[in-house]
Amino acid sequence: MKKILILILIGFVSLAFAKDDANDLLKDVQKTYKSNKDLSINFTQKFLWKLTKEEITIAGKIFVQDGEKFRFENPDNLIINDGKALYTLSYANNQVIVNDAKQGGDQPFLKSFIEKYITDYNAEWVEEKSGIVHLHLTAKSQDEFVRQVHLWVDKDSKLINKVLQIDANENETTYKVDSVDLDTKLTADDFKISNLDQYELIDLR
């Protein structure tokens, strides 16, 4: 009986350390992204629908300045947060929807999104392999549409290599980082939509 109790206690202690280590790593990741004024990321985005098993893969780019402003590009959409307003351009609809900038916090790799990982999810350290740490995050509330998140983080650079999100319908979205440029130079023009007057503008502010 004593051996069983000791094993149970060891298990609880190990779990506590795993959670502490995971949270510490997430905070280090957040500091890394916040410390870089300008950065650009090339990524591959994959959607997998649970029911139909349909899979779509697209390439995209994201540019971030000061951890707040961002430009998110893929073949279907252009999303820009200039710090004041959030612009979502749909090429298929030829429309630009404008919201308040605060509506744009849930894009991957952004400072505010990593804050959400820390505050709204419980994180656990799964394993470390070849310098890459696998973290498993579960939502604290069932109100979160994304119920689970898996993160693969480079332990040395504190940069995210891959994100896997599993939503309430068990659909999966994977973002695989192909390259990161921490020396990119961004200007105000990078956070504007050129020829904005060519699109139908829907202002929801």
N, C-alpha and C. Protein backbone atom coordinates (compact mmCIF):
# COMPACT_ATOMS: atom_id res chain seq x y z
N MET A 1 0.83 -1.21 0.00
CA MET A 1 0.00 0.00 0.00
C MET A 1 0.87 1.26 0.00
N LYS A 2 1.93 1.23 0.83
CA LYS A 2 2.83 2.39 0.87
C LYS A 2 3.46 2.65 -0.49
N LYS A 3 3.84 1.56 -1.18
CA LYS A 3 4.47 1.72 -2.50
C LYS A 3 3.49 2.36 -3.48
N ILE A 4 2.23 1.94 -3.40
CA ILE A 4 1.21 2.50 -4.29
C ILE A 4 1.03 3.99 -4.02
N LEU A 5 0.98 4.37 -2.73
CA LEU A 5 0.83 5.78 -2.37
C LEU A 5 2.02 6.60 -2.85
N ILE A 6 3.22 6.03 -2.71
CA ILE A 6 4.43 6.73 -3.16
C ILE A 6 4.39 6.94 -4.67
N LEU A 7 3.96 5.92 -5.40
CA LEU A 7 3.87 6.03 -6.86
C LEU A 7 2.85 7.09 -7.27
N ILE A 8 1.73 7.12 -6.53
CA ILE A 8 0.71 8.13 -6.83
C ILE A 8 1.25 9.53 -6.56
N LEU A 9 1.95 9.71 -5.45
CA LEU A 9 2.54 11.01 -5.12
C LEU A 9 3.57 11.43 -6.15
N ILE A 10 4.39 10.48 -6.58
CA ILE A 10 5.39 10.79 -7.61
C ILE A 10 4.70 11.23 -8.90
N GLY A 11 3.59 10.55 -9.21
CA GLY A 11 2.84 10.91 -10.42
C GLY A 11 2.31 12.33 -10.35
N PHE A 12 1.75 12.71 -9.18
CA PHE A 12 1.22 14.07 -9.01
C PHE A 12 2.34 15.10 -9.10
N VAL A 13 3.47 14.83 -8.47
CA VAL A 13 4.61 15.76 -8.50
C VAL A 13 5.13 15.91 -9.92
N SER A 14 5.24 14.80 -10.65
CA SER A 14 5.72 14.84 -12.04
C SER A 14 4.77 15.66 -12.90
N LEU A 15 3.46 15.48 -12.70
CA LEU A 15 2.48 16.23 -13.47
C LEU A 15 2.58 17.72 -13.16
N ALA A 16 2.78 18.07 -11.90
CA ALA A 16 2.91 19.48 -11.51
C ALA A 16 4.11 20.11 -12.18
N PHE A 17 5.26 19.39 -12.18
CA PHE A 17 6.46 19.90 -12.84
C PHE A 17 6.23 20.05 -14.34
N ALA A 18 5.52 19.09 -14.95
CA ALA A 18 5.26 19.14 -16.39
C ALA A 18 4.45 20.37 -16.74
N LYS A 19 3.45 20.70 -15.89
CA LYS A 19 2.63 21.87 -16.14
C LYS A 19 3.43 23.15 -15.95
N ASP A 20 4.26 23.19 -14.89
CA ASP A 20 5.09 24.38 -14.64
C ASP A 20 6.07 24.59 -15.79
N ASP A 21 6.72 23.53 -16.24
CA ASP A 21 7.68 23.64 -17.34
C ASP A 21 6.99 24.10 -18.61
N ALA A 22 5.79 23.58 -18.86
CA ALA A 22 5.05 23.96 -20.07
C ALA A 22 4.69 25.44 -20.03
N ASN A 23 4.21 25.91 -18.89
CA ASN A 23 3.83 27.33 -18.77
C ASN A 23 5.05 28.24 -18.87
N ASP A 24 6.16 27.81 -18.28
CA ASP A 24 7.40 28.60 -18.38
C ASP A 24 7.86 28.72 -19.83
N LEU A 25 7.77 27.61 -20.56
CA LEU A 25 8.18 27.63 -21.97
C LEU A 25 7.28 28.54 -22.79
N LEU A 26 5.97 28.49 -22.53
CA LEU A 26 5.03 29.36 -23.24
C LEU A 26 5.35 30.83 -22.99
N LYS A 27 5.69 31.17 -21.77
CA LYS A 27 6.04 32.56 -21.44
C LYS A 27 7.32 32.97 -22.15
N ASP A 28 8.28 32.04 -22.26
CA ASP A 28 9.52 32.33 -22.99
C ASP A 28 9.24 32.55 -24.47
N VAL A 29 8.32 31.74 -25.02
CA VAL A 29 7.93 31.90 -26.42
C VAL A 29 7.30 33.27 -26.63
N GLN A 30 6.44 33.67 -25.73
CA GLN A 30 5.79 34.97 -25.82
C GLN A 30 6.82 36.10 -25.79
N LYS A 31 7.79 36.00 -24.90
CA LYS A 31 8.85 37.01 -24.81
C LYS A 31 9.64 37.09 -26.12
N THR A 32 9.91 35.94 -26.73
CA THR A 32 10.68 35.91 -27.97
C THR A 32 9.96 36.67 -29.07
N TYR A 33 8.65 36.41 -29.22
CA TYR A 33 7.91 37.10 -30.27
C TYR A 33 7.74 38.58 -29.96
N LYS A 34 7.60 38.92 -28.68
CA LYS A 34 7.44 40.32 -28.31
C LYS A 34 8.74 41.10 -28.49
N SER A 35 9.88 40.42 -28.33
CA SER A 35 11.17 41.12 -28.39
C SER A 35 11.60 41.46 -29.81
N ASN A 36 10.96 40.85 -30.80
CA ASN A 36 11.31 41.13 -32.20
C ASN A 36 10.33 42.15 -32.77
N LYS A 37 10.84 43.31 -33.14
CA LYS A 37 9.98 44.37 -33.66
C LYS A 37 9.27 43.94 -34.93
N ASP A 38 10.02 43.39 -35.88
CA ASP A 38 9.47 42.95 -37.16
C ASP A 38 9.83 41.49 -37.39
N LEU A 39 8.86 40.72 -37.85
CA LEU A 39 9.17 39.35 -38.25
C LEU A 39 8.20 38.90 -39.34
N SER A 40 8.65 37.97 -40.15
CA SER A 40 7.79 37.39 -41.18
C SER A 40 7.92 35.87 -41.13
N ILE A 41 6.82 35.20 -41.43
CA ILE A 41 6.76 33.75 -41.33
C ILE A 41 6.09 33.19 -42.58
N ASN A 42 6.71 32.19 -43.18
CA ASN A 42 6.08 31.42 -44.25
C ASN A 42 5.57 30.13 -43.63
N PHE A 43 4.34 29.77 -43.93
CA PHE A 43 3.77 28.57 -43.32
C PHE A 43 2.89 27.81 -44.29
N THR A 44 2.64 26.55 -43.94
CA THR A 44 1.70 25.71 -44.67
C THR A 44 0.53 25.41 -43.74
N GLN A 45 -0.67 25.65 -44.24
CA GLN A 45 -1.88 25.51 -43.44
C GLN A 45 -2.70 24.34 -44.00
N LYS A 46 -3.08 23.40 -43.12
CA LYS A 46 -3.85 22.24 -43.56
C LYS A 46 -5.13 22.12 -42.75
N PHE A 47 -6.27 21.97 -43.45
CA PHE A 47 -7.56 21.76 -42.81
C PHE A 47 -7.98 20.31 -43.03
N LEU A 48 -8.44 19.67 -41.97
CA LEU A 48 -8.95 18.30 -42.07
C LEU A 48 -10.32 18.26 -41.42
N TRP A 49 -11.38 17.98 -42.23
CA TRP A 49 -12.72 17.89 -41.71
C TRP A 49 -12.99 16.48 -41.22
N LYS A 50 -13.45 16.36 -39.98
CA LYS A 50 -13.62 15.08 -39.31
C LYS A 50 -14.61 14.18 -40.05
N LEU A 51 -15.79 14.70 -40.38
CA LEU A 51 -16.85 13.87 -40.93
C LEU A 51 -16.56 13.40 -42.34
N THR A 52 -16.11 14.30 -43.18
CA THR A 52 -15.92 13.97 -44.59
C THR A 52 -14.51 13.48 -44.92
N LYS A 53 -13.59 13.67 -43.97
CA LYS A 53 -12.18 13.34 -44.18
C LYS A 53 -11.56 14.17 -45.30
N GLU A 54 -12.25 15.26 -45.68
CA GLU A 54 -11.72 16.15 -46.72
C GLU A 54 -10.52 16.92 -46.17
N GLU A 55 -9.52 17.10 -47.00
CA GLU A 55 -8.30 17.77 -46.56
C GLU A 55 -7.90 18.83 -47.59
N ILE A 56 -7.59 20.01 -47.11
CA ILE A 56 -7.15 21.11 -47.97
C ILE A 56 -5.86 21.67 -47.40
N THR A 57 -4.87 21.86 -48.26
CA THR A 57 -3.59 22.42 -47.84
C THR A 57 -3.29 23.67 -48.67
N ILE A 58 -2.95 24.76 -47.99
CA ILE A 58 -2.59 26.00 -48.68
C ILE A 58 -1.35 26.59 -48.02
N ALA A 59 -0.65 27.42 -48.77
CA ALA A 59 0.52 28.13 -48.25
C ALA A 59 0.13 29.54 -47.88
N GLY A 60 0.83 30.12 -46.92
CA GLY A 60 0.52 31.47 -46.50
C GLY A 60 1.72 32.17 -45.90
N LYS A 61 1.54 33.46 -45.63
CA LYS A 61 2.58 34.28 -45.00
C LYS A 61 1.94 35.14 -43.92
N ILE A 62 2.71 35.45 -42.91
CA ILE A 62 2.27 36.39 -41.90
C ILE A 62 3.42 37.32 -41.55
N PHE A 63 3.09 38.61 -41.45
CA PHE A 63 4.07 39.64 -41.08
C PHE A 63 3.57 40.29 -39.80
N VAL A 64 4.44 40.43 -38.83
CA VAL A 64 4.05 40.98 -37.53
C VAL A 64 4.99 42.12 -37.15
N GLN A 65 4.42 43.20 -36.64
CA GLN A 65 5.22 44.33 -36.17
C GLN A 65 4.80 44.68 -34.74
N ASP A 66 5.79 44.77 -33.86
CA ASP A 66 5.58 45.13 -32.46
C ASP A 66 4.61 44.17 -31.75
N GLY A 67 4.47 42.96 -32.28
CA GLY A 67 3.60 41.98 -31.64
C GLY A 67 2.12 42.30 -31.75
N GLU A 68 1.76 43.39 -32.45
CA GLU A 68 0.36 43.81 -32.53
C GLU A 68 -0.13 43.90 -33.97
N LYS A 69 0.53 44.72 -34.76
CA LYS A 69 0.13 44.85 -36.16
C LYS A 69 0.49 43.56 -36.91
N PHE A 70 -0.39 43.14 -37.81
CA PHE A 70 -0.05 41.96 -38.59
C PHE A 70 -0.71 41.98 -39.96
N ARG A 71 -0.11 41.22 -40.85
CA ARG A 71 -0.62 41.01 -42.21
C ARG A 71 -0.60 39.51 -42.45
N PHE A 72 -1.77 38.94 -42.71
CA PHE A 72 -1.94 37.49 -42.85
C PHE A 72 -2.42 37.22 -44.27
N GLU A 73 -1.63 36.48 -45.05
CA GLU A 73 -1.94 36.26 -46.46
C GLU A 73 -2.06 34.77 -46.76
N ASN A 74 -3.10 34.43 -47.54
CA ASN A 74 -3.17 33.12 -48.18
C ASN A 74 -3.89 33.31 -49.51
N PRO A 75 -4.01 32.29 -50.34
CA PRO A 75 -4.61 32.50 -51.66
C PRO A 75 -6.06 32.99 -51.63
N ASP A 76 -6.77 32.77 -50.51
CA ASP A 76 -8.18 33.13 -50.43
C ASP A 76 -8.44 34.46 -49.77
N ASN A 77 -7.59 34.82 -48.81
CA ASN A 77 -7.87 36.00 -47.99
C ASN A 77 -6.60 36.82 -47.71
N LEU A 78 -6.84 38.07 -47.39
CA LEU A 78 -5.80 38.95 -46.86
C LEU A 78 -6.38 39.60 -45.61
N ILE A 79 -5.73 39.41 -44.48
CA ILE A 79 -6.21 39.97 -43.22
C ILE A 79 -5.14 40.91 -42.69
N ILE A 80 -5.52 42.15 -42.43
CA ILE A 80 -4.57 43.15 -41.95
C ILE A 80 -5.11 43.82 -40.70
N ASN A 81 -4.27 43.89 -39.69
CA ASN A 81 -4.55 44.65 -38.48
C ASN A 81 -3.51 45.76 -38.40
N ASP A 82 -3.95 47.00 -38.58
CA ASP A 82 -3.00 48.13 -38.58
C ASP A 82 -2.87 48.77 -37.20
N GLY A 83 -3.42 48.10 -36.18
CA GLY A 83 -3.37 48.63 -34.83
C GLY A 83 -4.64 49.36 -34.45
N LYS A 84 -5.41 49.80 -35.44
CA LYS A 84 -6.66 50.51 -35.19
C LYS A 84 -7.86 49.75 -35.74
N ALA A 85 -7.70 49.21 -36.94
CA ALA A 85 -8.79 48.49 -37.59
C ALA A 85 -8.30 47.16 -38.13
N LEU A 86 -9.24 46.23 -38.23
CA LEU A 86 -8.97 44.91 -38.78
C LEU A 86 -9.68 44.80 -40.13
N TYR A 87 -8.90 44.58 -41.19
CA TYR A 87 -9.44 44.47 -42.54
C TYR A 87 -9.35 43.01 -42.99
N THR A 88 -10.49 42.45 -43.44
CA THR A 88 -10.51 41.09 -43.96
C THR A 88 -10.97 41.14 -45.41
N LEU A 89 -10.05 40.86 -46.31
CA LEU A 89 -10.34 40.90 -47.74
C LEU A 89 -10.59 39.48 -48.23
N SER A 90 -11.77 39.26 -48.82
CA SER A 90 -12.09 37.99 -49.45
C SER A 90 -11.98 38.18 -50.96
N TYR A 91 -11.03 37.50 -51.58
CA TYR A 91 -10.85 37.64 -53.02
C TYR A 91 -12.05 37.07 -53.78
N ALA A 92 -12.66 36.00 -53.25
CA ALA A 92 -13.79 35.37 -53.94
C ALA A 92 -15.00 36.29 -53.97
N ASN A 93 -15.24 37.02 -52.86
CA ASN A 93 -16.41 37.90 -52.77
C ASN A 93 -16.11 39.33 -53.20
N ASN A 94 -14.82 39.63 -53.39
CA ASN A 94 -14.41 40.98 -53.75
C ASN A 94 -14.87 41.99 -52.70
N GLN A 95 -14.81 41.57 -51.43
CA GLN A 95 -15.28 42.39 -50.32
C GLN A 95 -14.18 42.58 -49.28
N VAL A 96 -14.25 43.72 -48.63
CA VAL A 96 -13.40 43.98 -47.47
C VAL A 96 -14.30 44.29 -46.28
N ILE A 97 -14.20 43.46 -45.25
CA ILE A 97 -14.96 43.67 -44.02
C ILE A 97 -14.04 44.34 -43.00
N VAL A 98 -14.51 45.42 -42.39
CA VAL A 98 -13.71 46.19 -41.43
C VAL A 98 -14.30 46.04 -40.04
N ASN A 99 -13.47 45.66 -39.09
CA ASN A 99 -13.85 45.56 -37.68
C ASN A 99 -12.87 46.39 -36.85
N ASP A 100 -13.21 46.54 -35.58
CA ASP A 100 -12.26 47.14 -34.66
C ASP A 100 -11.05 46.23 -34.53
N ALA A 101 -9.88 46.80 -34.33
CA ALA A 101 -8.63 46.01 -34.27
C ALA A 101 -8.66 44.96 -33.18
N LYS A 102 -9.41 45.18 -32.12
CA LYS A 102 -9.45 44.23 -31.01
C LYS A 102 -10.09 42.91 -31.43
N GLN A 103 -10.78 42.91 -32.58
CA GLN A 103 -11.39 41.68 -33.06
C GLN A 103 -10.37 40.73 -33.65
N GLY A 104 -9.13 41.18 -33.82
CA GLY A 104 -8.15 40.39 -34.57
C GLY A 104 -7.12 39.66 -33.75
N GLY A 105 -7.44 39.28 -32.52
CA GLY A 105 -6.44 38.66 -31.67
C GLY A 105 -6.15 37.20 -31.92
N ASP A 106 -7.04 36.52 -32.67
CA ASP A 106 -6.93 35.07 -32.74
C ASP A 106 -6.24 34.56 -34.00
N GLN A 107 -5.20 35.23 -34.43
CA GLN A 107 -4.39 34.71 -35.52
C GLN A 107 -3.19 33.98 -34.93
N PRO A 108 -2.77 32.87 -35.57
CA PRO A 108 -1.65 32.11 -35.01
C PRO A 108 -0.36 32.92 -34.98
N PHE A 109 0.50 32.61 -34.03
CA PHE A 109 1.84 33.16 -33.88
C PHE A 109 1.87 34.57 -33.30
N LEU A 110 0.73 35.17 -33.03
CA LEU A 110 0.72 36.53 -32.53
C LEU A 110 0.82 36.56 -31.01
N LYS A 111 1.30 37.70 -30.51
CA LYS A 111 1.47 37.86 -29.07
C LYS A 111 0.17 37.61 -28.32
N SER A 112 -0.92 38.19 -28.82
CA SER A 112 -2.19 38.06 -28.11
C SER A 112 -2.68 36.63 -28.13
N PHE A 113 -2.36 35.89 -29.21
CA PHE A 113 -2.81 34.51 -29.27
C PHE A 113 -2.03 33.66 -28.29
N ILE A 114 -0.74 33.93 -28.13
CA ILE A 114 0.05 33.19 -27.15
C ILE A 114 -0.43 33.54 -25.73
N GLU A 115 -0.85 34.78 -25.51
CA GLU A 115 -1.44 35.14 -24.23
C GLU A 115 -2.68 34.30 -23.96
N LYS A 116 -3.46 34.05 -25.01
CA LYS A 116 -4.67 33.23 -24.88
C LYS A 116 -4.30 31.81 -24.50
N TYR A 117 -3.22 31.28 -25.09
CA TYR A 117 -2.74 29.95 -24.71
C TYR A 117 -2.44 29.89 -23.21
N ILE A 118 -1.83 30.95 -22.70
CA ILE A 118 -1.40 30.96 -21.29
C ILE A 118 -2.59 31.12 -20.34
N THR A 119 -3.53 32.00 -20.69
CA THR A 119 -4.62 32.32 -19.77
C THR A 119 -5.82 31.38 -19.88
N ASP A 120 -6.12 30.90 -21.08
CA ASP A 120 -7.37 30.16 -21.30
C ASP A 120 -7.19 28.65 -21.48
N TYR A 121 -5.94 28.19 -21.43
CA TYR A 121 -5.68 26.76 -21.63
C TYR A 121 -4.77 26.22 -20.53
N ASN A 122 -4.95 24.95 -20.22
CA ASN A 122 -4.03 24.23 -19.35
C ASN A 122 -2.98 23.55 -20.22
N ALA A 123 -1.70 23.81 -19.92
CA ALA A 123 -0.62 23.30 -20.76
C ALA A 123 0.14 22.20 -20.05
N GLU A 124 0.50 21.17 -20.82
CA GLU A 124 1.32 20.09 -20.29
C GLU A 124 2.46 19.78 -21.25
N TRP A 125 3.60 19.45 -20.68
CA TRP A 125 4.80 19.08 -21.44
C TRP A 125 4.66 17.60 -21.81
N VAL A 126 4.60 17.30 -23.10
CA VAL A 126 4.42 15.91 -23.54
C VAL A 126 5.77 15.22 -23.67
N GLU A 127 6.66 15.79 -24.49
CA GLU A 127 7.98 15.19 -24.67
C GLU A 127 8.92 16.20 -25.34
N GLU A 128 10.19 15.89 -25.26
CA GLU A 128 11.22 16.65 -25.98
C GLU A 128 12.01 15.68 -26.84
N LYS A 129 12.12 16.00 -28.12
CA LYS A 129 12.83 15.13 -29.04
C LYS A 129 13.66 15.99 -30.00
N SER A 130 14.96 15.78 -29.99
CA SER A 130 15.89 16.51 -30.88
C SER A 130 15.74 18.02 -30.72
N GLY A 131 15.55 18.49 -29.50
CA GLY A 131 15.47 19.92 -29.23
C GLY A 131 14.11 20.53 -29.49
N ILE A 132 13.13 19.72 -29.90
CA ILE A 132 11.77 20.21 -30.16
C ILE A 132 10.86 19.70 -29.04
N VAL A 133 10.17 20.63 -28.38
CA VAL A 133 9.29 20.29 -27.27
C VAL A 133 7.84 20.25 -27.76
N HIS A 134 7.16 19.18 -27.41
CA HIS A 134 5.75 19.02 -27.75
C HIS A 134 4.91 19.37 -26.52
N LEU A 135 4.07 20.39 -26.64
CA LEU A 135 3.16 20.80 -25.57
C LEU A 135 1.73 20.47 -25.96
N HIS A 136 0.94 20.03 -24.98
CA HIS A 136 -0.48 19.77 -25.21
C HIS A 136 -1.30 20.72 -24.35
N LEU A 137 -2.18 21.50 -24.99
CA LEU A 137 -3.00 22.47 -24.30
C LEU A 137 -4.47 22.06 -24.41
N THR A 138 -5.18 22.14 -23.29
CA THR A 138 -6.61 21.86 -23.29
C THR A 138 -7.36 23.08 -22.75
N ALA A 139 -8.48 23.39 -23.38
CA ALA A 139 -9.24 24.57 -23.00
C ALA A 139 -9.80 24.44 -21.59
N LYS A 140 -9.73 25.52 -20.83
CA LYS A 140 -10.27 25.52 -19.48
C LYS A 140 -11.79 25.58 -19.49
N SER A 141 -12.35 26.13 -20.56
CA SER A 141 -13.80 26.29 -20.66
C SER A 141 -14.33 25.60 -21.91
N GLN A 142 -15.49 25.00 -21.80
CA GLN A 142 -16.15 24.38 -22.95
C GLN A 142 -16.67 25.43 -23.93
N ASP A 143 -16.63 26.69 -23.52
CA ASP A 143 -17.06 27.77 -24.42
C ASP A 143 -16.03 28.03 -25.51
N GLU A 144 -14.80 27.57 -25.31
CA GLU A 144 -13.77 27.74 -26.33
C GLU A 144 -14.07 26.83 -27.52
N PHE A 145 -14.12 27.41 -28.72
CA PHE A 145 -14.38 26.59 -29.91
C PHE A 145 -13.20 25.66 -30.17
N VAL A 146 -11.97 26.16 -30.00
CA VAL A 146 -10.78 25.31 -30.13
C VAL A 146 -10.56 24.64 -28.78
N ARG A 147 -10.80 23.33 -28.72
CA ARG A 147 -10.76 22.61 -27.46
C ARG A 147 -9.35 22.14 -27.10
N GLN A 148 -8.56 21.79 -28.11
CA GLN A 148 -7.21 21.30 -27.85
C GLN A 148 -6.22 21.97 -28.81
N VAL A 149 -5.02 22.19 -28.31
CA VAL A 149 -3.94 22.74 -29.14
C VAL A 149 -2.67 21.94 -28.85
N HIS A 150 -2.00 21.52 -29.90
CA HIS A 150 -0.68 20.90 -29.77
C HIS A 150 0.33 21.88 -30.35
N LEU A 151 1.38 22.16 -29.60
CA LEU A 151 2.44 23.06 -30.04
C LEU A 151 3.76 22.32 -30.08
N TRP A 152 4.54 22.56 -31.12
CA TRP A 152 5.91 22.06 -31.19
C TRP A 152 6.83 23.27 -31.21
N VAL A 153 7.66 23.39 -30.18
CA VAL A 153 8.47 24.58 -29.96
C VAL A 153 9.95 24.22 -29.97
N ASP A 154 10.74 25.01 -30.68
CA ASP A 154 12.20 24.85 -30.65
C ASP A 154 12.70 25.33 -29.29
N LYS A 155 13.31 24.44 -28.53
CA LYS A 155 13.69 24.77 -27.16
C LYS A 155 14.76 25.85 -27.10
N ASP A 156 15.64 25.91 -28.10
CA ASP A 156 16.71 26.91 -28.10
C ASP A 156 16.24 28.27 -28.56
N SER A 157 15.57 28.32 -29.71
CA SER A 157 15.15 29.61 -30.28
C SER A 157 13.87 30.13 -29.66
N LYS A 158 13.11 29.24 -28.99
CA LYS A 158 11.80 29.59 -28.41
C LYS A 158 10.82 30.05 -29.48
N LEU A 159 10.94 29.46 -30.67
CA LEU A 159 10.02 29.75 -31.76
C LEU A 159 9.13 28.53 -32.01
N ILE A 160 7.90 28.79 -32.44
CA ILE A 160 6.95 27.71 -32.72
C ILE A 160 7.23 27.11 -34.09
N ASN A 161 7.34 25.79 -34.16
CA ASN A 161 7.56 25.09 -35.42
C ASN A 161 6.24 24.62 -36.05
N LYS A 162 5.30 24.22 -35.19
CA LYS A 162 4.04 23.70 -35.70
C LYS A 162 2.94 23.88 -34.66
N VAL A 163 1.73 24.12 -35.16
CA VAL A 163 0.55 24.24 -34.31
C VAL A 163 -0.53 23.33 -34.87
N LEU A 164 -1.13 22.52 -34.00
CA LEU A 164 -2.29 21.70 -34.37
C LEU A 164 -3.45 22.08 -33.48
N GLN A 165 -4.55 22.56 -34.09
CA GLN A 165 -5.74 22.94 -33.34
C GLN A 165 -6.86 21.95 -33.62
N ILE A 166 -7.55 21.53 -32.57
CA ILE A 166 -8.68 20.62 -32.71
C ILE A 166 -9.91 21.32 -32.13
N ASP A 167 -10.93 21.53 -32.96
CA ASP A 167 -12.08 22.32 -32.52
C ASP A 167 -13.16 21.42 -31.91
N ALA A 168 -14.28 22.05 -31.54
CA ALA A 168 -15.36 21.33 -30.86
C ALA A 168 -15.98 20.25 -31.74
N ASN A 169 -15.84 20.38 -33.05
CA ASN A 169 -16.36 19.38 -33.99
C ASN A 169 -15.31 18.35 -34.38
N GLU A 170 -14.17 18.42 -33.72
CA GLU A 170 -13.03 17.51 -33.95
C GLU A 170 -12.38 17.73 -35.32
N ASN A 171 -12.65 18.85 -35.94
CA ASN A 171 -11.91 19.23 -37.15
C ASN A 171 -10.51 19.68 -36.74
N GLU A 172 -9.54 19.46 -37.61
CA GLU A 172 -8.15 19.78 -37.30
C GLU A 172 -7.60 20.83 -38.25
N THR A 173 -6.91 21.80 -37.68
CA THR A 173 -6.19 22.80 -38.47
C THR A 173 -4.73 22.77 -38.03
N THR A 174 -3.85 22.57 -39.00
CA THR A 174 -2.42 22.50 -38.71
C THR A 174 -1.69 23.63 -39.42
N TYR A 175 -0.84 24.32 -38.68
CA TYR A 175 0.04 25.34 -39.25
C TYR A 175 1.47 24.86 -39.08
N LYS A 176 2.15 24.64 -40.18
CA LYS A 176 3.56 24.22 -40.13
C LYS A 176 4.42 25.38 -40.60
N VAL A 177 5.33 25.82 -39.74
CA VAL A 177 6.20 26.94 -40.07
C VAL A 177 7.32 26.46 -40.99
N ASP A 178 7.38 27.05 -42.17
CA ASP A 178 8.41 26.67 -43.14
C ASP A 178 9.67 27.50 -42.99
N SER A 179 9.51 28.78 -42.66
CA SER A 179 10.67 29.65 -42.44
C SER A 179 10.26 30.87 -41.62
N VAL A 180 11.23 31.42 -40.90
CA VAL A 180 11.02 32.61 -40.08
C VAL A 180 12.14 33.60 -40.38
N ASP A 181 11.78 34.86 -40.61
CA ASP A 181 12.77 35.92 -40.83
C ASP A 181 12.62 36.94 -39.71
N LEU A 182 13.60 36.99 -38.82
CA LEU A 182 13.56 37.93 -37.70
C LEU A 182 14.20 39.27 -38.05
N ASP A 183 14.75 39.37 -39.25
CA ASP A 183 15.44 40.60 -39.67
C ASP A 183 14.68 41.36 -40.74
N THR A 184 13.44 40.96 -41.02
CA THR A 184 12.66 41.65 -42.03
C THR A 184 12.37 43.09 -41.60
N LYS A 185 12.24 43.99 -42.56
CA LYS A 185 11.96 45.40 -42.28
C LYS A 185 10.59 45.75 -42.83
N LEU A 186 9.66 46.06 -41.95
CA LEU A 186 8.30 46.36 -42.35
C LEU A 186 8.03 47.86 -42.23
N THR A 187 7.15 48.35 -43.10
CA THR A 187 6.75 49.76 -43.08
C THR A 187 5.24 49.85 -42.94
N ALA A 188 4.74 51.07 -42.82
CA ALA A 188 3.30 51.29 -42.68
C ALA A 188 2.54 50.78 -43.91
N ASP A 189 3.19 50.82 -45.08
CA ASP A 189 2.54 50.36 -46.31
C ASP A 189 2.25 48.86 -46.29
N ASP A 190 3.02 48.11 -45.49
CA ASP A 190 2.79 46.67 -45.41
C ASP A 190 1.49 46.34 -44.68
N PHE A 191 0.93 47.34 -43.99
CA PHE A 191 -0.30 47.12 -43.24
C PHE A 191 -1.45 47.93 -43.82
N LYS A 192 -1.42 48.04 -45.15
CA LYS A 192 -2.50 48.67 -45.91
C LYS A 192 -2.91 47.76 -47.06
N ILE A 193 -4.17 47.86 -47.46
CA ILE A 193 -4.64 47.15 -48.64
C ILE A 193 -4.55 48.10 -49.82
N SER A 194 -3.72 47.73 -50.79
CA SER A 194 -3.59 48.59 -51.97
C SER A 194 -4.86 48.52 -52.80
N ASN A 195 -5.21 49.63 -53.43
CA ASN A 195 -6.42 49.73 -54.27
C ASN A 195 -7.68 49.33 -53.50
N LEU A 196 -7.78 49.83 -52.27
CA LEU A 196 -8.92 49.49 -51.42
C LEU A 196 -10.25 49.87 -52.07
N ASP A 197 -10.26 50.95 -52.86
CA ASP A 197 -11.49 51.42 -53.48
C ASP A 197 -12.03 50.48 -54.55
N GLN A 198 -11.28 49.46 -54.91
CA GLN A 198 -11.72 48.50 -55.92
C GLN A 198 -12.64 47.42 -55.33
N TYR A 199 -12.75 47.40 -53.99
CA TYR A 199 -13.53 46.35 -53.34
C TYR A 199 -14.76 46.94 -52.67
N GLU A 200 -15.77 46.11 -52.50
CA GLU A 200 -16.95 46.50 -51.71
C GLU A 200 -16.55 46.56 -50.23
N LEU A 201 -16.79 47.69 -49.60
CA LEU A 201 -16.36 47.91 -48.22
C LEU A 201 -17.55 47.73 -47.28
N ILE A 202 -17.41 46.84 -46.30
CA ILE A 202 -18.45 46.62 -45.28
C ILE A 202 -17.85 46.95 -43.92
N ASP A 203 -18.25 48.10 -43.39
CA ASP A 203 -17.66 48.59 -42.14
C ASP A 203 -18.57 48.21 -40.97
N LEU A 204 -18.08 47.32 -40.09
CA LEU A 204 -18.86 46.83 -38.96
C LEU A 204 -18.44 47.46 -37.64
N ARG A 205 -17.63 48.51 -37.68
CA ARG A 205 -17.20 49.14 -36.45
C ARG A 205 -18.34 49.91 -35.79
